[in-house]
N, C-alpha and C. Protein backbone atom coordinates (compact mmCIF):
# COMPACT_ATOMS: atom_id res chain seq x y z
N MET A 1 -5.53 -3.69 40.97
CA MET A 1 -4.68 -4.13 39.88
C MET A 1 -5.51 -4.64 38.69
N SER A 2 -6.57 -5.37 38.99
CA SER A 2 -7.40 -5.89 37.91
C SER A 2 -8.14 -4.78 37.19
N ASN A 3 -8.42 -3.68 37.91
CA ASN A 3 -9.06 -2.54 37.28
C ASN A 3 -8.16 -1.94 36.21
N THR A 4 -6.86 -1.94 36.44
CA THR A 4 -5.91 -1.44 35.44
C THR A 4 -5.94 -2.30 34.19
N LYS A 5 -6.03 -3.62 34.37
CA LYS A 5 -6.10 -4.51 33.20
C LYS A 5 -7.37 -4.28 32.42
N ASN A 6 -8.50 -4.13 33.09
CA ASN A 6 -9.76 -3.90 32.39
C ASN A 6 -9.76 -2.55 31.70
N ASN A 7 -9.16 -1.54 32.33
CA ASN A 7 -9.09 -0.22 31.73
C ASN A 7 -8.23 -0.24 30.47
N SER A 8 -7.14 -0.99 30.46
CA SER A 8 -6.29 -1.05 29.27
C SER A 8 -6.98 -1.78 28.14
N LYS A 9 -7.88 -2.69 28.45
CA LYS A 9 -8.64 -3.38 27.40
C LYS A 9 -9.55 -2.41 26.65
N THR A 10 -10.21 -1.54 27.40
CA THR A 10 -11.13 -0.61 26.74
C THR A 10 -10.39 0.55 26.11
N ARG A 11 -9.25 0.93 26.66
CA ARG A 11 -8.51 2.05 26.13
C ARG A 11 -7.79 1.70 24.84
N TYR A 12 -7.25 0.50 24.76
CA TYR A 12 -6.49 0.07 23.57
C TYR A 12 -7.08 -1.22 23.02
N PRO A 13 -8.27 -1.16 22.46
CA PRO A 13 -8.85 -2.40 21.92
C PRO A 13 -8.13 -2.83 20.65
N THR A 14 -8.15 -4.11 20.39
CA THR A 14 -7.56 -4.64 19.17
C THR A 14 -8.51 -4.36 18.01
N PRO A 15 -8.00 -3.79 16.92
CA PRO A 15 -8.88 -3.56 15.77
C PRO A 15 -9.31 -4.88 15.16
N GLU A 16 -10.46 -4.85 14.50
CA GLU A 16 -11.01 -6.06 13.89
C GLU A 16 -10.21 -6.51 12.67
N PHE A 17 -9.53 -5.58 12.05
CA PHE A 17 -8.78 -5.90 10.83
C PHE A 17 -7.48 -5.12 10.80
N ARG A 18 -6.59 -5.54 9.88
CA ARG A 18 -5.31 -4.86 9.67
C ARG A 18 -5.23 -4.42 8.22
N ARG A 19 -4.69 -3.25 8.01
CA ARG A 19 -4.46 -2.74 6.64
C ARG A 19 -3.01 -3.06 6.28
N ILE A 20 -2.81 -4.23 5.69
CA ILE A 20 -1.45 -4.71 5.46
C ILE A 20 -0.75 -3.98 4.32
N ALA A 21 -1.49 -3.35 3.43
CA ALA A 21 -0.88 -2.67 2.28
C ALA A 21 -0.74 -1.17 2.49
N LEU A 22 -1.07 -0.68 3.68
CA LEU A 22 -1.06 0.77 3.88
C LEU A 22 0.35 1.37 3.82
N ALA A 23 1.31 0.76 4.49
CA ALA A 23 2.68 1.31 4.50
C ALA A 23 3.29 1.35 3.10
N PRO A 24 3.26 0.24 2.33
CA PRO A 24 3.84 0.35 0.98
C PRO A 24 3.07 1.30 0.07
N SER A 25 1.76 1.45 0.29
CA SER A 25 1.01 2.37 -0.55
C SER A 25 1.36 3.83 -0.24
N ILE A 26 1.61 4.13 1.02
CA ILE A 26 2.02 5.50 1.37
C ILE A 26 3.40 5.79 0.79
N ILE A 27 4.31 4.83 0.93
CA ILE A 27 5.65 5.00 0.35
C ILE A 27 5.56 5.15 -1.16
N GLY A 28 4.74 4.32 -1.79
CA GLY A 28 4.58 4.40 -3.24
C GLY A 28 4.00 5.73 -3.69
N THR A 29 3.07 6.27 -2.91
CA THR A 29 2.49 7.58 -3.24
C THR A 29 3.54 8.68 -3.13
N ILE A 30 4.35 8.61 -2.09
CA ILE A 30 5.43 9.60 -1.94
C ILE A 30 6.40 9.51 -3.11
N VAL A 31 6.75 8.29 -3.51
CA VAL A 31 7.67 8.10 -4.64
C VAL A 31 7.05 8.64 -5.93
N LEU A 32 5.76 8.36 -6.14
CA LEU A 32 5.10 8.85 -7.35
C LEU A 32 5.06 10.37 -7.39
N LEU A 33 4.75 10.98 -6.26
CA LEU A 33 4.69 12.45 -6.25
C LEU A 33 6.07 13.07 -6.39
N ALA A 34 7.09 12.43 -5.84
CA ALA A 34 8.46 12.90 -6.04
C ALA A 34 8.89 12.68 -7.49
N GLY A 35 8.37 11.62 -8.10
CA GLY A 35 8.71 11.32 -9.49
C GLY A 35 8.19 12.33 -10.48
N VAL A 36 7.17 13.08 -10.10
CA VAL A 36 6.65 14.13 -10.99
C VAL A 36 7.76 15.14 -11.31
N ALA A 37 8.58 15.43 -10.33
CA ALA A 37 9.67 16.39 -10.55
C ALA A 37 10.83 15.79 -11.33
N LEU A 38 10.91 14.46 -11.36
CA LEU A 38 12.06 13.81 -11.99
C LEU A 38 11.78 13.23 -13.37
N VAL A 39 10.57 13.42 -13.89
CA VAL A 39 10.26 12.90 -15.23
C VAL A 39 11.25 13.49 -16.23
N ASP A 40 11.75 12.65 -17.11
CA ASP A 40 12.73 13.03 -18.13
C ASP A 40 14.09 13.41 -17.56
N SER A 41 14.46 12.85 -16.42
CA SER A 41 15.79 13.07 -15.87
C SER A 41 16.45 11.71 -15.61
N ASP A 42 17.73 11.75 -15.27
CA ASP A 42 18.45 10.50 -15.01
C ASP A 42 17.95 9.80 -13.75
N GLY A 43 17.47 10.53 -12.77
CA GLY A 43 16.99 9.95 -11.52
C GLY A 43 15.66 9.24 -11.65
N TYR A 44 15.01 9.39 -12.80
CA TYR A 44 13.69 8.78 -12.99
C TYR A 44 13.76 7.25 -13.02
N LEU A 45 14.91 6.70 -13.35
CA LEU A 45 15.06 5.24 -13.37
C LEU A 45 14.79 4.65 -11.99
N ALA A 46 15.26 5.31 -10.95
CA ALA A 46 15.01 4.84 -9.58
C ALA A 46 13.52 4.91 -9.26
N ILE A 47 12.84 5.94 -9.74
CA ILE A 47 11.39 6.07 -9.52
C ILE A 47 10.67 4.90 -10.19
N GLN A 48 11.09 4.57 -11.40
CA GLN A 48 10.46 3.46 -12.12
C GLN A 48 10.62 2.14 -11.36
N PHE A 49 11.83 1.87 -10.89
CA PHE A 49 12.06 0.64 -10.12
C PHE A 49 11.19 0.61 -8.87
N LEU A 50 11.20 1.69 -8.12
CA LEU A 50 10.46 1.72 -6.86
C LEU A 50 8.95 1.57 -7.07
N VAL A 51 8.41 2.28 -8.03
CA VAL A 51 6.96 2.20 -8.28
C VAL A 51 6.56 0.81 -8.73
N ALA A 52 7.33 0.22 -9.65
CA ALA A 52 7.00 -1.12 -10.14
C ALA A 52 7.08 -2.15 -9.01
N ILE A 53 8.12 -2.07 -8.20
CA ILE A 53 8.28 -3.04 -7.10
C ILE A 53 7.18 -2.86 -6.06
N LEU A 54 6.89 -1.62 -5.69
CA LEU A 54 5.85 -1.38 -4.68
C LEU A 54 4.46 -1.77 -5.20
N ALA A 55 4.20 -1.59 -6.48
CA ALA A 55 2.93 -2.03 -7.04
C ALA A 55 2.79 -3.55 -6.94
N LEU A 56 3.87 -4.27 -7.19
CA LEU A 56 3.82 -5.73 -7.06
C LEU A 56 3.68 -6.17 -5.61
N ILE A 57 4.31 -5.45 -4.69
CA ILE A 57 4.16 -5.78 -3.27
C ILE A 57 2.72 -5.56 -2.81
N ILE A 58 2.14 -4.44 -3.19
CA ILE A 58 0.75 -4.17 -2.82
C ILE A 58 -0.17 -5.19 -3.48
N GLY A 59 0.14 -5.57 -4.71
CA GLY A 59 -0.64 -6.62 -5.39
C GLY A 59 -0.57 -7.95 -4.65
N TYR A 60 0.59 -8.26 -4.12
CA TYR A 60 0.74 -9.50 -3.34
C TYR A 60 -0.10 -9.43 -2.06
N PHE A 61 -0.12 -8.27 -1.42
CA PHE A 61 -0.96 -8.11 -0.23
C PHE A 61 -2.44 -8.22 -0.59
N ALA A 62 -2.82 -7.72 -1.76
CA ALA A 62 -4.21 -7.86 -2.21
C ALA A 62 -4.54 -9.33 -2.43
N TRP A 63 -3.60 -10.08 -2.96
CA TRP A 63 -3.80 -11.51 -3.16
C TRP A 63 -3.98 -12.21 -1.80
N GLN A 64 -3.15 -11.86 -0.83
CA GLN A 64 -3.26 -12.44 0.50
C GLN A 64 -4.61 -12.11 1.15
N ALA A 65 -5.11 -10.92 0.91
CA ALA A 65 -6.38 -10.49 1.48
C ALA A 65 -7.58 -11.02 0.69
N LYS A 66 -7.31 -11.75 -0.37
CA LYS A 66 -8.35 -12.29 -1.26
C LYS A 66 -9.20 -11.18 -1.87
N GLN A 67 -8.57 -10.07 -2.18
CA GLN A 67 -9.22 -8.96 -2.88
C GLN A 67 -8.56 -8.83 -4.25
N TRP A 68 -8.84 -9.80 -5.11
CA TRP A 68 -8.14 -9.97 -6.38
C TRP A 68 -8.39 -8.85 -7.36
N TRP A 69 -9.48 -8.11 -7.23
CA TRP A 69 -9.77 -7.04 -8.17
C TRP A 69 -8.71 -5.94 -8.13
N TRP A 70 -7.97 -5.83 -7.05
CA TRP A 70 -6.90 -4.84 -6.98
C TRP A 70 -5.68 -5.24 -7.82
N ILE A 71 -5.58 -6.50 -8.14
CA ILE A 71 -4.40 -6.97 -8.87
C ILE A 71 -4.33 -6.35 -10.27
N VAL A 72 -5.46 -6.16 -10.91
CA VAL A 72 -5.49 -5.63 -12.28
C VAL A 72 -4.87 -4.23 -12.36
N PRO A 73 -5.33 -3.24 -11.58
CA PRO A 73 -4.69 -1.92 -11.70
C PRO A 73 -3.25 -1.91 -11.18
N LEU A 74 -2.95 -2.74 -10.18
CA LEU A 74 -1.59 -2.74 -9.65
C LEU A 74 -0.59 -3.38 -10.62
N VAL A 75 -1.00 -4.42 -11.31
CA VAL A 75 -0.13 -5.01 -12.33
C VAL A 75 0.02 -4.04 -13.51
N ALA A 76 -1.05 -3.32 -13.83
CA ALA A 76 -0.95 -2.32 -14.90
C ALA A 76 0.06 -1.23 -14.52
N ILE A 77 0.06 -0.80 -13.27
CA ILE A 77 1.04 0.19 -12.81
C ILE A 77 2.45 -0.40 -12.90
N ALA A 78 2.61 -1.66 -12.49
CA ALA A 78 3.93 -2.29 -12.55
C ALA A 78 4.42 -2.40 -14.00
N VAL A 79 3.52 -2.64 -14.94
CA VAL A 79 3.91 -2.75 -16.34
C VAL A 79 4.27 -1.38 -16.92
N VAL A 80 3.49 -0.36 -16.61
CA VAL A 80 3.74 0.97 -17.16
C VAL A 80 5.04 1.56 -16.61
N TRP A 81 5.33 1.31 -15.34
CA TRP A 81 6.56 1.85 -14.73
C TRP A 81 7.71 0.85 -14.79
N ASN A 82 7.58 -0.19 -15.54
CA ASN A 82 8.61 -1.21 -15.66
C ASN A 82 9.88 -0.61 -16.29
N PRO A 83 10.99 -0.62 -15.56
CA PRO A 83 12.20 -0.02 -16.12
C PRO A 83 12.97 -0.95 -17.07
N VAL A 84 12.67 -2.23 -17.05
CA VAL A 84 13.39 -3.18 -17.91
C VAL A 84 12.93 -3.04 -19.35
N PHE A 85 11.63 -2.97 -19.56
CA PHE A 85 11.06 -2.75 -20.89
C PHE A 85 10.22 -1.47 -20.83
N PRO A 86 10.86 -0.31 -20.89
CA PRO A 86 10.13 0.95 -20.68
C PRO A 86 9.15 1.24 -21.81
N ILE A 87 8.06 1.84 -21.42
CA ILE A 87 7.03 2.26 -22.37
C ILE A 87 7.25 3.76 -22.63
N THR A 88 7.24 4.15 -23.90
CA THR A 88 7.42 5.55 -24.25
C THR A 88 6.07 6.26 -24.16
N ILE A 89 6.01 7.22 -23.25
CA ILE A 89 4.77 7.98 -23.05
C ILE A 89 5.14 9.46 -23.02
N ASP A 90 4.26 10.30 -23.57
CA ASP A 90 4.46 11.74 -23.60
C ASP A 90 4.53 12.30 -22.18
N GLY A 91 5.29 13.36 -21.98
CA GLY A 91 5.52 13.95 -20.67
C GLY A 91 4.26 14.35 -19.93
N ASP A 92 3.29 14.96 -20.63
CA ASP A 92 2.04 15.38 -19.98
C ASP A 92 1.22 14.18 -19.52
N LEU A 93 1.20 13.15 -20.32
CA LEU A 93 0.47 11.94 -19.94
C LEU A 93 1.14 11.26 -18.74
N TRP A 94 2.48 11.32 -18.69
CA TRP A 94 3.20 10.76 -17.54
C TRP A 94 2.74 11.43 -16.26
N LEU A 95 2.61 12.74 -16.29
CA LEU A 95 2.20 13.47 -15.10
C LEU A 95 0.80 13.04 -14.63
N VAL A 96 -0.10 12.90 -15.57
CA VAL A 96 -1.46 12.45 -15.24
C VAL A 96 -1.42 11.03 -14.67
N LEU A 97 -0.62 10.16 -15.28
CA LEU A 97 -0.52 8.78 -14.80
C LEU A 97 0.08 8.71 -13.40
N HIS A 98 0.99 9.60 -13.08
CA HIS A 98 1.55 9.64 -11.73
C HIS A 98 0.46 9.90 -10.70
N TYR A 99 -0.40 10.86 -10.97
CA TYR A 99 -1.47 11.19 -10.02
C TYR A 99 -2.52 10.07 -9.95
N VAL A 100 -2.84 9.48 -11.09
CA VAL A 100 -3.80 8.37 -11.10
C VAL A 100 -3.24 7.18 -10.32
N ALA A 101 -1.98 6.86 -10.54
CA ALA A 101 -1.35 5.75 -9.81
C ALA A 101 -1.28 6.05 -8.32
N ALA A 102 -1.04 7.30 -7.95
CA ALA A 102 -1.01 7.66 -6.53
C ALA A 102 -2.38 7.45 -5.89
N ILE A 103 -3.43 7.79 -6.61
CA ILE A 103 -4.79 7.57 -6.10
C ILE A 103 -5.07 6.08 -5.95
N VAL A 104 -4.63 5.29 -6.92
CA VAL A 104 -4.81 3.83 -6.83
C VAL A 104 -4.04 3.28 -5.64
N PHE A 105 -2.82 3.73 -5.43
CA PHE A 105 -2.02 3.25 -4.29
C PHE A 105 -2.71 3.57 -2.96
N ILE A 106 -3.16 4.81 -2.79
CA ILE A 106 -3.81 5.19 -1.54
C ILE A 106 -5.11 4.42 -1.34
N ALA A 107 -5.91 4.32 -2.38
CA ALA A 107 -7.17 3.58 -2.26
C ALA A 107 -6.91 2.11 -1.91
N ALA A 108 -5.93 1.51 -2.55
CA ALA A 108 -5.60 0.12 -2.25
C ALA A 108 -5.10 -0.02 -0.82
N GLY A 109 -4.26 0.90 -0.38
CA GLY A 109 -3.73 0.83 0.98
C GLY A 109 -4.81 0.94 2.03
N VAL A 110 -5.81 1.76 1.78
CA VAL A 110 -6.89 1.93 2.74
C VAL A 110 -7.89 0.78 2.68
N LEU A 111 -8.16 0.28 1.49
CA LEU A 111 -9.24 -0.70 1.33
C LEU A 111 -8.80 -2.16 1.42
N ILE A 112 -7.52 -2.45 1.23
CA ILE A 112 -7.05 -3.83 1.36
C ILE A 112 -6.83 -4.11 2.85
N LYS A 113 -7.62 -5.02 3.38
CA LYS A 113 -7.50 -5.33 4.81
C LYS A 113 -7.80 -6.80 5.05
N VAL A 114 -7.21 -7.32 6.12
CA VAL A 114 -7.42 -8.71 6.51
C VAL A 114 -7.89 -8.74 7.96
N PRO A 115 -8.64 -9.78 8.33
CA PRO A 115 -9.06 -9.88 9.74
C PRO A 115 -7.85 -9.99 10.65
N ASN A 116 -7.95 -9.37 11.81
CA ASN A 116 -6.87 -9.40 12.78
C ASN A 116 -7.00 -10.67 13.63
N GLU A 117 -6.04 -11.57 13.47
CA GLU A 117 -6.08 -12.82 14.20
C GLU A 117 -5.47 -12.71 15.59
N GLU A 118 -4.69 -11.66 15.82
CA GLU A 118 -4.04 -11.46 17.11
C GLU A 118 -4.90 -10.53 17.96
N ASP A 119 -5.81 -11.10 18.72
CA ASP A 119 -6.70 -10.31 19.54
C ASP A 119 -6.15 -10.21 20.95
N ARG A 120 -5.57 -9.09 21.29
CA ARG A 120 -4.99 -8.89 22.62
C ARG A 120 -6.05 -8.98 23.70
N ASN A 121 -7.25 -8.55 23.40
CA ASN A 121 -8.32 -8.53 24.39
C ASN A 121 -8.71 -9.95 24.80
N LYS A 122 -8.77 -10.87 23.88
CA LYS A 122 -9.12 -12.25 24.21
C LYS A 122 -8.01 -12.90 25.04
N ARG A 123 -6.75 -12.64 24.70
CA ARG A 123 -5.65 -13.21 25.48
C ARG A 123 -5.64 -12.65 26.89
N ALA A 124 -5.90 -11.35 27.03
CA ALA A 124 -5.92 -10.74 28.36
C ALA A 124 -7.08 -11.28 29.17
N GLY A 125 -8.21 -11.55 28.51
CA GLY A 125 -9.37 -12.10 29.22
C GLY A 125 -9.11 -13.52 29.72
N LYS A 126 -8.36 -14.31 29.00
CA LYS A 126 -8.05 -15.67 29.43
C LYS A 126 -7.08 -15.68 30.61
N ALA A 127 -6.22 -14.66 30.69
CA ALA A 127 -5.23 -14.62 31.76
C ALA A 127 -5.85 -14.27 33.10
N THR A 128 -7.00 -13.54 33.09
CA THR A 128 -7.60 -13.15 34.35
C THR A 128 -8.62 -14.12 34.84
């Protein structure tokens, strides 16, 4: 029985860190890429809301991870896609900005990480 516990420790080790911004960055990238098709349409308002909100959420995760340098591009994305005070930008530039923002979202999602405080391996070791 104890061999099973030791085997599960090595098979499923706890990672050293967590990527807390990965899920919202993937969602934000999907929204940005879908928004390319909706530029200059009525449905684009929803894209603006989602991108601005997700940029602020990822920025908050960057703040929690003490990686403040991510806040600058994420706040810039939130300002550019702000639906309350929209910025008038040419259609071709919008397309380029969508791809640039998607790259920023993915990079932030992968690189923003915090140490994992919940170590299953240490708890399992104390129990045996």
